Amino acid sequence: MKFSHIADSHLGGWRQPELQVLNLESFRKAIDTSIEEGVEFILFTGDLFDSAFPSIEILKETFNEFRKLKEAGIKSYVIAGSHDYSVSGKTFLEVLEKAGFCEICKYEEDKETDKIILKPSIYKSYYIYGYPGKKSGFEVPDLKKIYINEPYSNYFRILMLHTTITEVAGNLPIESISLQELPKADYYALGHIHIDFEKEINGKPAIYGGPTFPNNFKELEELKYGSFYIINVEGYTKITKKEIRLKEVELVEVEIDSSLKGTEKILKELEKRDLKDKIVLLKVFGTIDGKISDIKFQEIQDYLERVGIYSFLKNISKLEVEQKDLEIQVQSGEMDKVEDVLIEKYEKENPSSLNEFIFPLIEALSIEKQEGETSSIFESRLFGELNKILNLEL
């Protein structure tokens, strides 16, 4: 038996159009590879969408991929994640299920025993169980009550979860559950944490399957590419990680000490690299003697577009302004710099490690509602951007 494990695709999650396209193409690559490999079913362990209310275009493309799976005779088993979960219980995953493209793992609450009974989705001798992820780790208390009625015997038991396990969380003060607290299974299909994680519990593999494409600047820097897994059961369980490399990622780090000379130094460093058709990550750091607004990032972006890069992202969270008395002196015609001056003054008077979030948050909060977009979808998209910046479940 061969099956795929796909997690954390976050379709529709990128603001940059070209990265949203690449995100979708990475998901499509995972589907096409699974078909080529001849898998019999696919496990989708949460956050298929970045929002409980994805756009129509994202839905159309996603439905097309599930249609390909159905035509190929490949079954799909799904649980919701913390992003595509809805407290109302209504998500677009149900639309996929009603269209006959997938099966959502079911469960019921037993109030007499205070247990949550997981119901199996049965494929041949494979029993597939799952419980959805929820916002802010609210699924963890429930996971400590999940129970499987069927005795552990000759069938192959798969447990799908979208949560943080203690073996990953370590000493961090976040809600988590240990692998040892979970019902016994032959394969633990996990989603939610975007890291390479392969561990065994009592000789059985526990795998975080995704993401199929990095979800933010930090993940592009650390992971560079997306991935998913193909599992082959032939008396023993063979785990194969499939990396999805559609575009190369180039990290460029530049330390500057002068805002007026910063643009030139950054451009000189970029000119040393072959950046054509790459995702360029620019990290600028150091303590400067001027204003951040003096760095001509538009000029830098124009250069990158001329040399044919695929996409450009910058990170200036470690760029600091030299500590000195700041006076707000804004000349006529320079009103666009008021924001930068005020922020520099605030950072000086209120030193904090949290100040690095100010500029990204201002940019995120400047998102505008698109034509035809409902308020709930707009809010979901806005909160998604804030979540990426703060790394919180909002």
Protein backbone atom coordinates (compact mmCIF):
# COMPACT_ATOMS: atom_id res chain seq x y z
CA MET A 1 0.00 0.00 0.00
CA LYS A 2 1.26 3.47 -0.88
CA PHE A 3 -0.25 6.77 0.24
CA SER A 4 0.68 10.47 0.42
CA HIS A 5 0.72 12.80 3.41
CA ILE A 6 0.15 16.48 2.50
CA ALA A 7 -0.14 19.25 5.10
CA ASP A 8 -0.23 23.02 5.51
CA SER A 9 -0.66 24.12 1.91
CA HIS A 10 -2.23 27.45 3.03
CA LEU A 11 -3.67 28.05 -0.42
CA GLY A 12 -4.41 31.75 -0.91
CA GLY A 13 -2.08 32.78 1.89
CA TRP A 14 0.45 35.02 0.12
CA ARG A 15 -0.26 38.69 -0.59
CA GLN A 16 2.28 38.79 -3.43
CA PRO A 17 0.47 37.48 -6.57
CA GLU A 18 3.53 35.65 -7.92
CA LEU A 19 4.06 33.82 -4.62
CA GLN A 20 0.39 32.94 -4.40
CA VAL A 21 0.76 31.39 -7.86
CA LEU A 22 3.90 29.51 -6.77
CA ASN A 23 2.09 28.29 -3.66
CA LEU A 24 -0.68 26.85 -5.82
CA GLU A 25 1.84 25.36 -8.29
CA SER A 26 3.63 23.64 -5.40
CA PHE A 27 0.35 22.10 -4.27
CA ARG A 28 -0.35 21.03 -7.85
CA LYS A 29 3.12 19.43 -8.00
CA ALA A 30 2.36 17.41 -4.84
CA ILE A 31 -0.90 16.18 -6.41
CA ASP A 32 0.70 15.34 -9.78
CA THR A 33 3.60 13.51 -8.12
CA SER A 34 1.18 11.49 -6.00
CA ILE A 35 -0.72 10.45 -9.12
CA GLU A 36 2.52 9.55 -10.93
CA GLU A 37 3.69 7.52 -7.92
CA GLY A 38 0.46 5.51 -7.97
CA VAL A 39 -0.68 6.23 -4.40
CA GLU A 40 -4.05 4.80 -3.40
CA PHE A 41 -5.09 7.61 -1.08
CA ILE A 42 -3.90 10.98 0.27
CA LEU A 43 -4.04 12.33 3.82
CA PHE A 44 -4.59 16.12 4.04
CA THR A 45 -3.78 17.06 7.64
CA GLY A 46 -5.13 20.59 7.90
CA ASP A 47 -4.69 24.14 6.62
CA LEU A 48 -5.45 23.20 3.04
CA PHE A 49 -6.63 26.81 2.79
CA ASP A 50 -5.11 29.81 4.56
CA SER A 51 -8.59 30.99 5.49
CA ALA A 52 -11.95 29.44 6.26
CA PHE A 53 -13.23 31.64 3.41
CA PRO A 54 -10.82 31.35 0.46
CA SER A 55 -11.32 33.35 -2.70
CA ILE A 56 -13.34 32.00 -5.61
CA GLU A 57 -10.20 31.73 -7.77
CA ILE A 58 -8.41 29.64 -5.12
CA LEU A 59 -11.48 27.43 -4.74
CA LYS A 60 -11.71 26.86 -8.49
CA GLU A 61 -8.06 25.82 -8.73
CA THR A 62 -8.29 23.59 -5.64
CA PHE A 63 -11.44 21.84 -6.87
CA ASN A 64 -9.70 21.14 -10.15
CA GLU A 65 -6.85 19.35 -8.34
CA PHE A 66 -9.26 17.22 -6.31
CA ARG A 67 -11.13 16.41 -9.50
CA LYS A 68 -7.87 15.04 -10.95
CA LEU A 69 -7.47 12.81 -7.90
CA LYS A 70 -11.01 11.48 -8.21
CA GLU A 71 -10.56 10.74 -11.91
CA ALA A 72 -7.33 8.88 -11.05
CA GLY A 73 -9.23 6.76 -8.49
CA ILE A 74 -7.30 8.20 -5.55
CA LYS A 75 -9.21 8.70 -2.30
CA SER A 76 -8.71 11.84 -0.20
CA TYR A 77 -9.09 12.00 3.59
CA VAL A 78 -9.18 15.45 5.20
CA ILE A 79 -9.19 17.24 8.55
CA ALA A 80 -9.49 20.99 9.11
CA GLY A 81 -6.56 23.01 10.44
CA SER A 82 -6.37 26.10 12.60
CA HIS A 83 -6.67 28.32 9.50
CA ASP A 84 -9.46 26.59 7.59
CA TYR A 85 -11.34 25.65 10.78
CA SER A 86 -14.53 27.56 11.57
CA VAL A 87 -16.18 27.63 15.00
CA SER A 88 -19.50 27.47 13.19
CA GLY A 89 -18.48 24.06 11.89
CA LYS A 90 -19.05 25.23 8.31
CA THR A 91 -16.01 25.27 6.04
CA PHE A 92 -15.33 24.90 2.34
CA LEU A 93 -13.90 21.47 3.12
CA GLU A 94 -17.52 20.37 3.47
CA VAL A 95 -18.20 21.62 -0.05
CA LEU A 96 -15.35 19.43 -1.29
CA GLU A 97 -16.83 16.48 0.59
CA LYS A 98 -20.37 17.06 -0.71
CA ALA A 99 -18.96 17.19 -4.24
CA GLY A 100 -17.58 13.70 -3.66
CA PHE A 101 -13.94 14.80 -3.81
CA CYS A 102 -12.90 13.88 -0.26
CA GLU A 103 -13.99 12.42 3.06
CA ILE A 104 -13.69 14.45 6.28
CA CYS A 105 -12.75 12.40 9.32
CA LYS A 106 -15.67 12.16 11.77
CA TYR A 107 -16.01 11.96 15.54
CA GLU A 108 -18.71 12.19 18.23
CA GLU A 109 -18.77 13.25 21.85
CA ASP A 110 -19.80 10.79 24.55
CA LYS A 111 -21.04 13.01 27.38
CA GLU A 112 -21.44 10.10 29.79
CA THR A 113 -17.77 9.12 29.64
CA ASP A 114 -16.49 12.61 28.67
CA LYS A 115 -14.67 11.07 25.73
CA ILE A 116 -14.45 12.03 22.07
CA ILE A 117 -14.91 8.92 19.97
CA LEU A 118 -13.07 8.99 16.65
CA LYS A 119 -14.92 7.30 13.79
CA PRO A 120 -12.87 5.42 11.20
CA SER A 121 -12.76 6.10 7.49
CA ILE A 122 -12.04 2.63 6.12
CA TYR A 123 -9.97 1.95 3.03
CA LYS A 124 -9.35 -1.78 2.56
CA SER A 125 -7.44 -2.81 5.72
CA TYR A 126 -6.57 0.80 6.61
CA TYR A 127 -8.54 2.58 9.34
CA ILE A 128 -8.09 6.35 9.17
CA TYR A 129 -9.00 8.54 12.16
CA GLY A 130 -8.71 12.29 12.58
CA TYR A 131 -9.53 15.30 14.73
CA PRO A 132 -9.38 18.92 13.47
CA GLY A 133 -7.09 21.69 14.61
CA LYS A 134 -8.62 24.82 16.11
CA LYS A 135 -7.64 28.42 16.73
CA SER A 136 -5.11 29.14 19.51
CA GLY A 137 -4.53 25.47 20.32
CA PHE A 138 -8.08 24.96 21.59
CA GLU A 139 -8.02 21.42 20.20
CA VAL A 140 -5.41 20.27 22.77
CA PRO A 141 -7.80 19.75 25.73
CA ASP A 142 -10.07 17.77 23.39
CA LEU A 143 -7.19 15.64 22.13
CA LYS A 144 -6.57 14.48 25.69
CA LYS A 145 -10.07 12.96 25.56
CA ILE A 146 -9.99 11.28 22.15
CA TYR A 147 -10.65 7.55 22.10
CA ILE A 148 -10.76 4.81 19.47
CA ASN A 149 -13.31 2.04 20.05
CA GLU A 150 -11.91 -0.52 17.64
CA PRO A 151 -9.26 -2.78 19.23
CA TYR A 152 -5.74 -2.40 17.92
CA SER A 153 -5.32 -5.52 15.77
CA ASN A 154 -4.31 -6.55 12.27
CA TYR A 155 -5.54 -3.49 10.39
CA PHE A 156 -3.25 -0.51 9.78
CA ARG A 157 -4.32 2.42 11.97
CA ILE A 158 -3.64 6.03 10.88
CA LEU A 159 -4.23 8.99 13.21
CA MET A 160 -4.49 12.45 11.58
CA LEU A 161 -4.05 15.51 13.81
CA HIS A 162 -3.43 19.24 13.33
CA THR A 163 -1.79 20.36 16.55
CA THR A 164 1.45 21.03 18.43
CA ILE A 165 3.04 18.02 20.04
CA THR A 166 5.12 18.43 23.18
CA GLU A 167 8.12 16.79 21.53
CA VAL A 168 8.27 19.84 19.25
CA ALA A 169 7.11 22.54 21.69
CA GLY A 170 9.69 21.62 24.32
CA ASN A 171 9.64 24.15 27.14
CA LEU A 172 7.72 26.80 25.20
CA PRO A 173 4.60 27.98 27.11
CA ILE A 174 2.12 26.87 24.46
CA GLU A 175 -0.68 24.30 24.44
CA SER A 176 0.59 20.91 23.31
CA ILE A 177 0.08 17.19 23.70
CA SER A 178 2.70 14.45 23.94
CA LEU A 179 2.78 11.62 21.44
CA GLN A 180 2.64 9.26 24.42
CA GLU A 181 -0.81 10.66 25.34
CA LEU A 182 -2.33 9.77 21.96
CA PRO A 183 -4.19 6.59 21.02
CA LYS A 184 -2.03 3.84 19.58
CA ALA A 185 -1.51 4.03 15.80
CA ASP A 186 0.74 2.70 13.05
CA TYR A 187 1.25 6.11 11.46
CA TYR A 188 0.76 9.56 13.03
CA ALA A 189 -0.03 12.04 10.24
CA LEU A 190 0.55 15.50 11.69
CA GLY A 191 0.00 19.05 10.48
CA HIS A 192 0.32 22.60 11.89
CA ILE A 193 4.04 23.00 12.63
CA HIS A 194 6.10 23.92 9.55
CA ILE A 195 9.31 22.04 10.27
CA ASP A 196 11.14 18.89 9.26
CA PHE A 197 10.04 16.41 11.91
CA GLU A 198 10.26 12.64 11.73
CA LYS A 199 10.02 10.76 15.00
CA GLU A 200 8.95 7.33 16.17
CA ILE A 201 6.62 6.48 19.04
CA ASN A 202 6.84 2.86 20.08
CA GLY A 203 8.45 2.09 16.73
CA LYS A 204 5.71 3.86 14.71
CA PRO A 205 6.43 7.00 12.62
CA ALA A 206 5.06 10.44 13.52
CA ILE A 207 5.53 12.99 10.72
CA TYR A 208 4.76 16.68 10.22
CA GLY A 209 3.94 16.62 6.53
CA GLY A 210 4.35 20.20 5.28
CA PRO A 211 4.30 22.90 4.29
CA THR A 212 3.95 22.30 0.57
CA PHE A 213 5.31 25.85 0.17
CA PRO A 214 6.89 28.15 2.80
CA ASN A 215 4.33 30.52 4.27
CA ASN A 216 6.40 33.62 5.09
CA PHE A 217 9.86 35.25 4.86
CA LYS A 218 11.31 33.24 7.75
CA GLU A 219 10.12 29.93 6.33
CA LEU A 220 11.55 30.77 2.90
CA GLU A 221 14.84 31.56 4.62
CA GLU A 222 14.92 28.40 6.73
CA LEU A 223 13.10 25.80 4.58
CA LYS A 224 13.61 27.33 1.12
CA TYR A 225 11.24 24.81 -0.46
CA GLY A 226 8.03 22.97 0.23
CA SER A 227 7.64 19.24 0.77
CA PHE A 228 5.26 16.37 1.37
CA TYR A 229 5.63 12.65 2.12
CA ILE A 230 4.93 9.38 0.37
CA ILE A 231 4.47 6.37 2.64
CA ASN A 232 4.97 2.83 1.36
CA VAL A 233 3.80 -0.04 3.56
CA GLU A 234 5.38 -3.35 2.56
CA GLY A 235 5.57 -5.30 5.79
CA TYR A 236 7.47 -2.28 7.10
CA THR A 237 6.74 1.42 6.71
CA LYS A 238 9.02 3.24 4.27
CA ILE A 239 9.01 7.04 4.58
CA THR A 240 10.02 9.15 1.55
CA LYS A 241 10.19 12.94 1.77
CA LYS A 242 9.41 14.66 -1.54
CA GLU A 243 10.91 18.14 -1.83
CA ILE A 244 9.06 20.59 -4.09
CA ARG A 245 11.70 22.83 -5.72
CA LEU A 246 10.06 25.08 -8.29
CA LYS A 247 12.12 28.26 -7.73
CA GLU A 248 15.50 28.81 -6.11
CA VAL A 249 15.70 31.03 -3.04
CA GLU A 250 18.60 33.48 -2.68
CA LEU A 251 19.22 35.04 0.74
CA VAL A 252 21.17 38.31 0.64
CA GLU A 253 22.28 39.76 3.98
CA VAL A 254 23.75 43.26 4.10
CA GLU A 255 24.99 45.17 7.14
CA ILE A 256 24.91 48.95 6.84
CA ASP A 257 25.85 51.84 9.12
CA SER A 258 24.71 54.78 7.00
CA SER A 259 21.25 55.27 5.60
CA LEU A 260 22.54 57.57 2.84
CA LYS A 261 25.12 55.03 1.66
CA GLY A 262 22.93 52.04 2.36
CA THR A 263 21.28 51.89 -1.06
CA GLU A 264 24.62 51.81 -2.86
CA LYS A 265 26.01 49.09 -0.57
CA ILE A 266 22.93 46.91 -1.02
CA LEU A 267 23.00 47.28 -4.81
CA LYS A 268 26.71 46.37 -4.96
CA GLU A 269 26.02 43.18 -3.02
CA LEU A 270 23.09 42.29 -5.27
CA GLU A 271 25.19 42.88 -8.40
CA LYS A 272 27.55 40.08 -7.31
CA ARG A 273 24.79 37.48 -7.51
CA ASP A 274 23.03 35.62 -10.30
CA LEU A 275 19.44 36.40 -9.31
CA LYS A 276 17.55 35.65 -12.51
CA ASP A 277 14.21 33.88 -11.88
CA LYS A 278 14.94 33.48 -8.15
CA ILE A 279 13.04 34.45 -5.02
CA VAL A 280 15.30 37.09 -3.49
CA LEU A 281 15.23 37.55 0.28
CA LEU A 282 16.96 40.74 1.37
CA LYS A 283 17.88 41.09 5.04
CA VAL A 284 19.27 44.50 5.96
CA PHE A 285 20.66 44.93 9.47
CA GLY A 286 22.92 47.20 11.50
CA THR A 287 22.75 50.55 13.30
CA ILE A 288 22.46 53.53 10.97
CA ASP A 289 23.14 57.21 11.52
CA GLY A 290 20.14 58.40 9.56
CA LYS A 291 16.59 57.46 8.71
CA ILE A 292 15.37 54.14 7.39
CA SER A 293 13.33 56.05 4.83
CA ASP A 294 16.60 57.32 3.27
CA ILE A 295 17.26 53.81 1.96
CA LYS A 296 15.81 53.70 -1.56
CA PHE A 297 14.10 50.33 -1.55
CA GLN A 298 12.10 51.22 -4.66
CA GLU A 299 15.35 51.76 -6.55
CA ILE A 300 16.56 48.39 -5.27
CA GLN A 301 13.34 46.70 -6.39
CA ASP A 302 13.57 48.36 -9.81
CA TYR A 303 17.08 46.94 -10.25
CA LEU A 304 15.93 43.45 -9.26
CA GLU A 305 13.06 43.57 -11.74
CA ARG A 306 15.49 44.59 -14.51
CA VAL A 307 17.67 41.53 -13.87
CA GLY A 308 14.61 39.27 -14.03
CA ILE A 309 14.07 38.04 -10.47
CA TYR A 310 10.91 36.04 -9.76
CA SER A 311 9.97 37.71 -6.48
CA PHE A 312 11.46 40.09 -3.91
CA LEU A 313 10.94 40.19 -0.14
CA LYS A 314 12.80 42.36 2.36
CA ASN A 315 13.32 42.15 6.12
CA ILE A 316 14.55 45.19 8.06
CA SER A 317 13.52 44.06 11.55
CA LYS A 318 17.17 44.10 12.70
CA LEU A 319 17.88 47.53 11.25
CA GLU A 320 18.17 50.09 14.05
CA VAL A 321 18.53 53.86 14.18
CA GLU A 322 21.47 55.24 16.11
CA GLN A 323 20.31 56.41 19.53
CA LYS A 324 20.35 60.21 19.70
CA ASP A 325 17.96 63.01 20.39
CA LEU A 326 15.39 63.07 17.65
CA GLU A 327 13.46 66.18 16.78
CA ILE A 328 10.47 66.10 14.52
CA GLN A 329 11.47 68.50 11.78
CA VAL A 330 9.51 67.93 8.64
CA GLN A 331 9.99 70.22 5.67
CA SER A 332 7.26 71.13 3.24
CA GLY A 333 6.83 68.34 0.68
CA GLU A 334 8.17 65.69 3.07
CA MET A 335 4.92 64.75 4.78
CA ASP A 336 5.34 61.15 3.61
CA LYS A 337 8.28 60.88 6.05
CA VAL A 338 6.29 61.87 9.14
CA GLU A 339 5.46 58.24 9.89
CA ASP A 340 9.13 57.19 9.83
CA VAL A 341 10.20 60.10 12.03
CA LEU A 342 7.50 59.43 14.61
CA ILE A 343 8.34 55.74 14.75
CA GLU A 344 12.06 56.47 15.18
CA LYS A 345 11.22 58.85 18.04
CA TYR A 346 8.92 56.28 19.65
CA GLU A 347 11.54 53.52 19.41
CA LYS A 348 14.12 55.74 21.10
CA GLU A 349 11.79 56.62 23.95
CA ASN A 350 10.38 53.10 24.30
CA PRO A 351 13.14 50.55 23.62
CA SER A 352 11.74 47.06 23.22
CA SER A 353 12.38 43.90 21.20
CA LEU A 354 8.76 44.23 20.03
CA ASN A 355 9.60 47.38 18.06
CA GLU A 356 10.73 45.21 15.15
CA PHE A 357 7.06 44.44 14.46
CA ILE A 358 6.03 48.10 13.98
CA PHE A 359 6.80 48.48 10.26
CA PRO A 360 5.48 45.02 9.24
CA LEU A 361 2.28 45.65 11.23
CA ILE A 362 1.76 49.07 9.64
CA GLU A 363 2.17 47.49 6.21
CA ALA A 364 -0.25 44.68 7.04
CA LEU A 365 -2.84 47.05 8.47
CA SER A 366 -2.74 49.08 5.26
CA ILE A 367 -4.41 46.20 3.40
CA GLU A 368 -7.47 47.45 1.55
CA LYS A 369 -10.73 45.65 1.01
CA GLN A 370 -10.94 44.39 -2.56
CA GLU A 371 -13.87 44.98 -4.86
CA GLY A 372 -16.57 42.38 -4.23
CA GLU A 373 -14.85 41.04 -1.13
CA THR A 374 -17.15 40.44 1.86
CA SER A 375 -16.28 41.85 5.28
CA SER A 376 -15.77 38.39 6.79
CA ILE A 377 -13.34 37.34 4.05
CA PHE A 378 -11.47 40.66 4.32
CA GLU A 379 -11.17 40.28 8.09
CA SER A 380 -9.95 36.70 7.72
CA ARG A 381 -7.32 37.82 5.21
CA LEU A 382 -6.21 40.68 7.47
CA PHE A 383 -5.93 38.45 10.53
CA GLY A 384 -3.97 35.96 8.44
CA GLU A 385 -1.36 38.63 7.66
CA LEU A 386 -1.14 39.62 11.33
CA ASN A 387 -0.71 35.97 12.27
CA LYS A 388 2.26 35.61 9.88
CA ILE A 389 3.97 38.65 11.40
CA LEU A 390 3.34 37.85 15.07
CA ASN A 391 3.40 34.05 14.68
CA LEU A 392 0.16 33.83 16.66
CA GLU A 393 -3.08 31.96 16.09
CA LEU A 394 -5.64 34.76 15.78
